[in-house]
Amino acid sequence: MKLQPTLFAAALALGSVHALAQTQVPGLWEHTFSMKSQGGEMEAAMAEMQKQMAAMPPDQRKQMEQMMASRGVSMGAQGTSVKVCVTKEDVARKIEPNFREGCTQEVVQRSGNTMKYKFQCTQPRPSSGEGEMTYISDKAYSGKSTVTTQVASKPQQMNMEMAGKWLAADCGDIKPRSVPAK
């Protein structure tokens, strides 16, 4: 079963969220996002993945769901959600441009509680995009972005809607992710 298109998009979304942390409260965050691709490939891949998971023997499906949950990932009809542990150090660093190896990001405009940005990645596959984040508070945000990448050696554009909310001060079983230092 291939999770690559979804995990690739999740990585982009998470990178954007962490890179733009303005005044984020440390603790457990849930980031949700949904994507629409230009040609429908992303949606077809998600439907196929859900179909494959549903067809798994119960023990195997449970094992896959537990593996995804241990990484904070869940998928449903409304989109994908990822739980992330944001540390005090992450908040203090206000993680900026090199949010992920192989990616750079530039904040192009800040106005009130809204920020516009552009990014470019070379890994896991070449991609670029732009987006906008609106901080509702230090415990919630919403945003949208457009990503251009390669799928099956063809250019593909995806539109992503995202939102984040703080869940708790304690991250529980979700471990902080390591973010490259500037």
C-alpha atoms as a PDB file:
ATOM      1  CA  MET A   1       0.000   0.000   0.000  1.00  0.00           C
ATOM      2  CA  LYS A   2       1.462   3.366  -0.999  1.00  0.00           C
ATOM      3  CA  LEU A   3       0.982   6.319   1.304  1.00  0.00           C
ATOM      4  CA  GLN A   4       3.439   8.533  -0.553  1.00  0.00           C
ATOM      5  CA  PRO A   5       1.117  11.151  -2.137  1.00  0.00           C
ATOM      6  CA  THR A   6      -0.682  11.740   1.137  1.00  0.00           C
ATOM      7  CA  LEU A   7       2.421  11.760   3.299  1.00  0.00           C
ATOM      8  CA  PHE A   8       4.164  14.094   0.819  1.00  0.00           C
ATOM      9  CA  ALA A   9       1.272  16.543   1.044  1.00  0.00           C
ATOM     10  CA  ALA A  10       1.203  16.163   4.833  1.00  0.00           C
ATOM     11  CA  ALA A  11       4.888  16.998   4.987  1.00  0.00           C
ATOM     12  CA  LEU A  12       4.324  20.143   2.937  1.00  0.00           C
ATOM     13  CA  ALA A  13       1.410  21.187   5.107  1.00  0.00           C
ATOM     14  CA  LEU A  14       3.270  20.585   8.346  1.00  0.00           C
ATOM     15  CA  GLY A  15       6.329  22.348   7.049  1.00  0.00           C
ATOM     16  CA  SER A  16       4.266  25.398   6.243  1.00  0.00           C
ATOM     17  CA  VAL A  17       2.531  25.389   9.609  1.00  0.00           C
ATOM     18  CA  HIS A  18       5.712  25.158  11.638  1.00  0.00           C
ATOM     19  CA  ALA A  19       7.628  27.545   9.465  1.00  0.00           C
ATOM     20  CA  LEU A  20       5.085  30.265  10.016  1.00  0.00           C
ATOM     21  CA  ALA A  21       4.654  29.966  13.748  1.00  0.00           C
ATOM     22  CA  GLN A  22       3.988  33.534  14.835  1.00  0.00           C
ATOM     23  CA  THR A  23       2.730  33.251  18.395  1.00  0.00           C
ATOM     24  CA  GLN A  24       2.016  29.582  18.865  1.00  0.00           C
ATOM     25  CA  VAL A  25       1.381  28.006  22.266  1.00  0.00           C
ATOM     26  CA  PRO A  26       3.608  24.979  22.967  1.00  0.00           C
ATOM     27  CA  GLY A  27       1.936  21.599  23.357  1.00  0.00           C
ATOM     28  CA  LEU A  28      -0.096  19.159  21.309  1.00  0.00           C
ATOM     29  CA  TRP A  29      -1.499  20.574  18.063  1.00  0.00           C
ATOM     30  CA  GLU A  30      -3.816  19.005  15.540  1.00  0.00           C
ATOM     31  CA  HIS A  31      -3.354  20.130  11.946  1.00  0.00           C
ATOM     32  CA  THR A  32      -6.078  19.167   9.475  1.00  0.00           C
ATOM     33  CA  PHE A  33      -5.980  19.608   5.759  1.00  0.00           C
ATOM     34  CA  SER A  34      -7.827  18.613   2.640  1.00  0.00           C
ATOM     35  CA  MET A  35      -6.507  18.684  -0.892  1.00  0.00           C
ATOM     36  CA  LYS A  36      -7.927  18.949  -4.346  1.00  0.00           C
ATOM     37  CA  SER A  37      -5.742  18.183  -7.311  1.00  0.00           C
ATOM     38  CA  GLN A  38      -6.074  19.595 -10.764  1.00  0.00           C
ATOM     39  CA  GLY A  39      -6.583  16.238 -12.445  1.00  0.00           C
ATOM     40  CA  GLY A  40      -8.141  14.309  -9.558  1.00  0.00           C
ATOM     41  CA  GLU A  41      -5.105  12.044  -9.045  1.00  0.00           C
ATOM     42  CA  MET A  42      -4.740  12.944  -5.362  1.00  0.00           C
ATOM     43  CA  GLU A  43      -8.392  12.236  -4.658  1.00  0.00           C
ATOM     44  CA  ALA A  44      -8.220   8.936  -6.558  1.00  0.00           C
ATOM     45  CA  ALA A  45      -5.084   7.911  -4.632  1.00  0.00           C
ATOM     46  CA  MET A  46      -6.785   8.726  -1.302  1.00  0.00           C
ATOM     47  CA  ALA A  47      -9.915   6.760  -2.270  1.00  0.00           C
ATOM     48  CA  GLU A  48      -7.785   3.801  -3.370  1.00  0.00           C
ATOM     49  CA  MET A  49      -5.769   3.893  -0.159  1.00  0.00           C
ATOM     50  CA  GLN A  50      -8.946   3.936   1.950  1.00  0.00           C
ATOM     51  CA  LYS A  51     -10.357   1.070  -0.146  1.00  0.00           C
ATOM     52  CA  GLN A  52      -7.166  -0.952   0.362  1.00  0.00           C
ATOM     53  CA  MET A  53      -7.226  -0.337   4.102  1.00  0.00           C
ATOM     54  CA  ALA A  54     -10.889  -1.379   4.304  1.00  0.00           C
ATOM     55  CA  ALA A  55     -10.053  -4.607   2.450  1.00  0.00           C
ATOM     56  CA  MET A  56      -7.223  -5.560   4.830  1.00  0.00           C
ATOM     57  CA  PRO A  57      -7.727  -8.366   7.305  1.00  0.00           C
ATOM     58  CA  PRO A  58      -8.819  -6.829  10.646  1.00  0.00           C
ATOM     59  CA  ASP A  59      -5.484  -7.504  12.382  1.00  0.00           C
ATOM     60  CA  GLN A  60      -3.472  -5.981   9.540  1.00  0.00           C
ATOM     61  CA  ARG A  61      -5.769  -2.948   9.307  1.00  0.00           C
ATOM     62  CA  LYS A  62      -5.516  -2.422  13.074  1.00  0.00           C
ATOM     63  CA  GLN A  63      -1.713  -2.627  12.847  1.00  0.00           C
ATOM     64  CA  MET A  64      -1.661  -0.035  10.026  1.00  0.00           C
ATOM     65  CA  GLU A  65      -4.003   2.294  11.915  1.00  0.00           C
ATOM     66  CA  GLN A  66      -1.873   1.964  15.065  1.00  0.00           C
ATOM     67  CA  MET A  67       1.302   2.708  13.094  1.00  0.00           C
ATOM     68  CA  MET A  68      -0.288   5.836  11.605  1.00  0.00           C
ATOM     69  CA  ALA A  69      -1.706   6.896  14.985  1.00  0.00           C
ATOM     70  CA  SER A  70       1.732   6.504  16.602  1.00  0.00           C
ATOM     71  CA  ARG A  71       2.906   9.142  14.127  1.00  0.00           C
ATOM     72  CA  GLY A  72      -0.133  11.303  14.854  1.00  0.00           C
ATOM     73  CA  VAL A  73      -1.740  10.696  11.437  1.00  0.00           C
ATOM     74  CA  SER A  74      -5.369   9.874  10.747  1.00  0.00           C
ATOM     75  CA  MET A  75      -7.338   9.946   7.501  1.00  0.00           C
ATOM     76  CA  GLY A  76     -11.025  10.313   6.964  1.00  0.00           C
ATOM     77  CA  ALA A  77     -13.656  11.508   4.537  1.00  0.00           C
ATOM     78  CA  GLN A  78     -13.098  15.130   5.598  1.00  0.00           C
ATOM     79  CA  GLY A  79      -9.334  15.015   5.013  1.00  0.00           C
ATOM     80  CA  THR A  80      -6.178  14.173   6.871  1.00  0.00           C
ATOM     81  CA  SER A  81      -5.170  15.219  10.347  1.00  0.00           C
ATOM     82  CA  VAL A  82      -1.757  15.132  11.937  1.00  0.00           C
ATOM     83  CA  LYS A  83      -0.985  15.654  15.606  1.00  0.00           C
ATOM     84  CA  VAL A  84       2.306  17.385  16.310  1.00  0.00           C
ATOM     85  CA  CYS A  85       4.136  18.193  19.518  1.00  0.00           C
ATOM     86  CA  VAL A  86       5.354  21.810  19.458  1.00  0.00           C
ATOM     87  CA  THR A  87       8.034  22.470  22.063  1.00  0.00           C
ATOM     88  CA  LYS A  88       8.843  25.702  23.897  1.00  0.00           C
ATOM     89  CA  GLU A  89      12.085  25.734  21.904  1.00  0.00           C
ATOM     90  CA  ASP A  90      10.150  25.536  18.607  1.00  0.00           C
ATOM     91  CA  VAL A  91       8.032  28.507  19.673  1.00  0.00           C
ATOM     92  CA  ALA A  92      11.088  30.493  20.824  1.00  0.00           C
ATOM     93  CA  ARG A  93      12.917  29.866  17.525  1.00  0.00           C
ATOM     94  CA  LYS A  94       9.882  30.886  15.434  1.00  0.00           C
ATOM     95  CA  ILE A  95      11.009  28.293  12.945  1.00  0.00           C
ATOM     96  CA  GLU A  96      11.497  30.086   9.634  1.00  0.00           C
ATOM     97  CA  PRO A  97      12.697  29.449   6.072  1.00  0.00           C
ATOM     98  CA  ASN A  98      14.580  26.139   6.253  1.00  0.00           C
ATOM     99  CA  PHE A  99      11.613  24.371   7.808  1.00  0.00           C
ATOM    100  CA  ARG A 100      12.477  21.068   6.200  1.00  0.00           C
ATOM    101  CA  GLU A 101      15.576  19.707   4.560  1.00  0.00           C
ATOM    102  CA  GLY A 102      15.440  20.466   0.863  1.00  0.00           C
ATOM    103  CA  CYS A 103      12.917  23.299   1.279  1.00  0.00           C
ATOM    104  CA  THR A 104      13.172  27.048   1.558  1.00  0.00           C
ATOM    105  CA  GLN A 105      10.446  29.485   2.381  1.00  0.00           C
ATOM    106  CA  GLU A 106       9.964  33.209   2.179  1.00  0.00           C
ATOM    107  CA  VAL A 107       7.380  35.287   3.984  1.00  0.00           C
ATOM    108  CA  VAL A 108       6.286  37.791   1.331  1.00  0.00           C
ATOM    109  CA  GLN A 109       3.776  39.842   3.319  1.00  0.00           C
ATOM    110  CA  ARG A 110       2.519  40.247   6.883  1.00  0.00           C
ATOM    111  CA  SER A 111      -0.609  42.231   7.574  1.00  0.00           C
ATOM    112  CA  GLY A 112      -2.307  42.053  10.967  1.00  0.00           C
ATOM    113  CA  ASN A 113      -2.852  38.387  11.771  1.00  0.00           C
ATOM    114  CA  THR A 114      -2.383  37.219   8.162  1.00  0.00           C
ATOM    115  CA  MET A 115       0.822  36.112   6.493  1.00  0.00           C
ATOM    116  CA  LYS A 116       1.499  35.269   2.831  1.00  0.00           C
ATOM    117  CA  TYR A 117       4.415  33.034   1.901  1.00  0.00           C
ATOM    118  CA  LYS A 118       6.126  31.191  -0.952  1.00  0.00           C
ATOM    119  CA  PHE A 119       8.125  27.977  -0.755  1.00  0.00           C
ATOM    120  CA  GLN A 120      10.243  25.733  -2.918  1.00  0.00           C
ATOM    121  CA  CYS A 121      11.342  22.152  -2.216  1.00  0.00           C
ATOM    122  CA  THR A 122      13.751  19.785  -3.907  1.00  0.00           C
ATOM    123  CA  GLN A 123      12.869  16.770  -1.723  1.00  0.00           C
ATOM    124  CA  PRO A 124      11.070  14.401  -1.599  1.00  0.00           C
ATOM    125  CA  ARG A 125      10.233  15.648  -5.093  1.00  0.00           C
ATOM    126  CA  PRO A 126      10.550  19.065  -6.706  1.00  0.00           C
ATOM    127  CA  SER A 127       7.652  21.304  -5.739  1.00  0.00           C
ATOM    128  CA  SER A 128       6.828  24.934  -5.165  1.00  0.00           C
ATOM    129  CA  GLY A 129       3.885  26.941  -3.998  1.00  0.00           C
ATOM    130  CA  GLU A 130       2.407  29.850  -2.165  1.00  0.00           C
ATOM    131  CA  GLY A 131      -0.110  30.262   0.573  1.00  0.00           C
ATOM    132  CA  GLU A 132      -1.747  32.378   3.199  1.00  0.00           C
ATOM    133  CA  MET A 133      -2.184  31.751   6.923  1.00  0.00           C
ATOM    134  CA  THR A 134      -4.546  33.603   9.245  1.00  0.00           C
ATOM    135  CA  TYR A 135      -3.921  33.321  12.965  1.00  0.00           C
ATOM    136  CA  ILE A 136      -7.236  33.327  14.785  1.00  0.00           C
ATOM    137  CA  SER A 137      -5.382  33.214  18.124  1.00  0.00           C
ATOM    138  CA  ASP A 138      -2.214  31.670  19.558  1.00  0.00           C
ATOM    139  CA  LYS A 139      -4.199  28.407  19.692  1.00  0.00           C
ATOM    140  CA  ALA A 140      -5.786  28.326  16.226  1.00  0.00           C
ATOM    141  CA  TYR A 141      -5.146  29.199  12.591  1.00  0.00           C
ATOM    142  CA  SER A 142      -6.584  28.588   9.142  1.00  0.00           C
ATOM    143  CA  GLY A 143      -4.964  28.782   5.754  1.00  0.00           C
ATOM    144  CA  LYS A 144      -4.812  27.766   2.148  1.00  0.00           C
ATOM    145  CA  SER A 145      -2.024  27.073  -0.284  1.00  0.00           C
ATOM    146  CA  THR A 146      -1.399  26.079  -3.856  1.00  0.00           C
ATOM    147  CA  VAL A 147       1.318  23.511  -4.550  1.00  0.00           C
ATOM    148  CA  THR A 148       2.816  22.656  -7.919  1.00  0.00           C
ATOM    149  CA  THR A 149       4.677  19.338  -8.079  1.00  0.00           C
ATOM    150  CA  GLN A 150       5.294  16.315 -10.323  1.00  0.00           C
ATOM    151  CA  VAL A 151       2.989  13.287 -10.234  1.00  0.00           C
ATOM    152  CA  ALA A 152       3.858  10.434 -12.589  1.00  0.00           C
ATOM    153  CA  SER A 153       6.319  12.790 -14.368  1.00  0.00           C
ATOM    154  CA  LYS A 154       3.577  15.328 -15.115  1.00  0.00           C
ATOM    155  CA  PRO A 155       3.136  18.758 -13.533  1.00  0.00           C
ATOM    156  CA  GLN A 156       0.319  18.689 -11.007  1.00  0.00           C
ATOM    157  CA  GLN A 157      -1.298  21.521  -9.091  1.00  0.00           C
ATOM    158  CA  MET A 158      -2.989  20.929  -5.747  1.00  0.00           C
ATOM    159  CA  ASN A 159      -5.056  23.307  -3.661  1.00  0.00           C
ATOM    160  CA  MET A 160      -4.913  22.722   0.060  1.00  0.00           C
ATOM    161  CA  GLU A 161      -7.164  24.038   2.837  1.00  0.00           C
ATOM    162  CA  MET A 162      -5.720  23.729   6.327  1.00  0.00           C
ATOM    163  CA  ALA A 163      -6.534  24.515   9.914  1.00  0.00           C
ATOM    164  CA  GLY A 164      -4.796  23.983  13.205  1.00  0.00           C
ATOM    165  CA  LYS A 165      -5.846  23.952  16.801  1.00  0.00           C
ATOM    166  CA  TRP A 166      -4.091  23.522  20.100  1.00  0.00           C
ATOM    167  CA  LEU A 167      -5.305  20.445  21.990  1.00  0.00           C
ATOM    168  CA  ALA A 168      -3.326  20.303  25.241  1.00  0.00           C
ATOM    169  CA  ALA A 169      -0.157  21.377  27.034  1.00  0.00           C
ATOM    170  CA  ASP A 170       0.887  17.712  27.359  1.00  0.00           C
ATOM    171  CA  CYS A 171       1.826  15.975  24.092  1.00  0.00           C
ATOM    172  CA  GLY A 172       1.155  12.505  25.500  1.00  0.00           C
ATOM    173  CA  ASP A 173       2.592   9.806  23.220  1.00  0.00           C
ATOM    174  CA  ILE A 174       3.325  12.216  20.357  1.00  0.00           C
ATOM    175  CA  LYS A 175       7.039  12.984  20.312  1.00  0.00           C
ATOM    176  CA  PRO A 176       8.407  16.376  19.221  1.00  0.00           C
ATOM    177  CA  ARG A 177       9.645  16.277  15.670  1.00  0.00           C
ATOM    178  CA  SER A 178      13.155  17.359  14.970  1.00  0.00           C
ATOM    179  CA  VAL A 179      13.371  20.481  12.855  1.00  0.00           C
ATOM    180  CA  PRO A 180      16.678  21.446  11.247  1.00  0.00           C
ATOM    181  CA  ALA A 181      18.338  24.444  12.882  1.00  0.00           C
ATOM    182  CA  LYS A 182      18.879  27.513  10.740  1.00  0.00           C
END
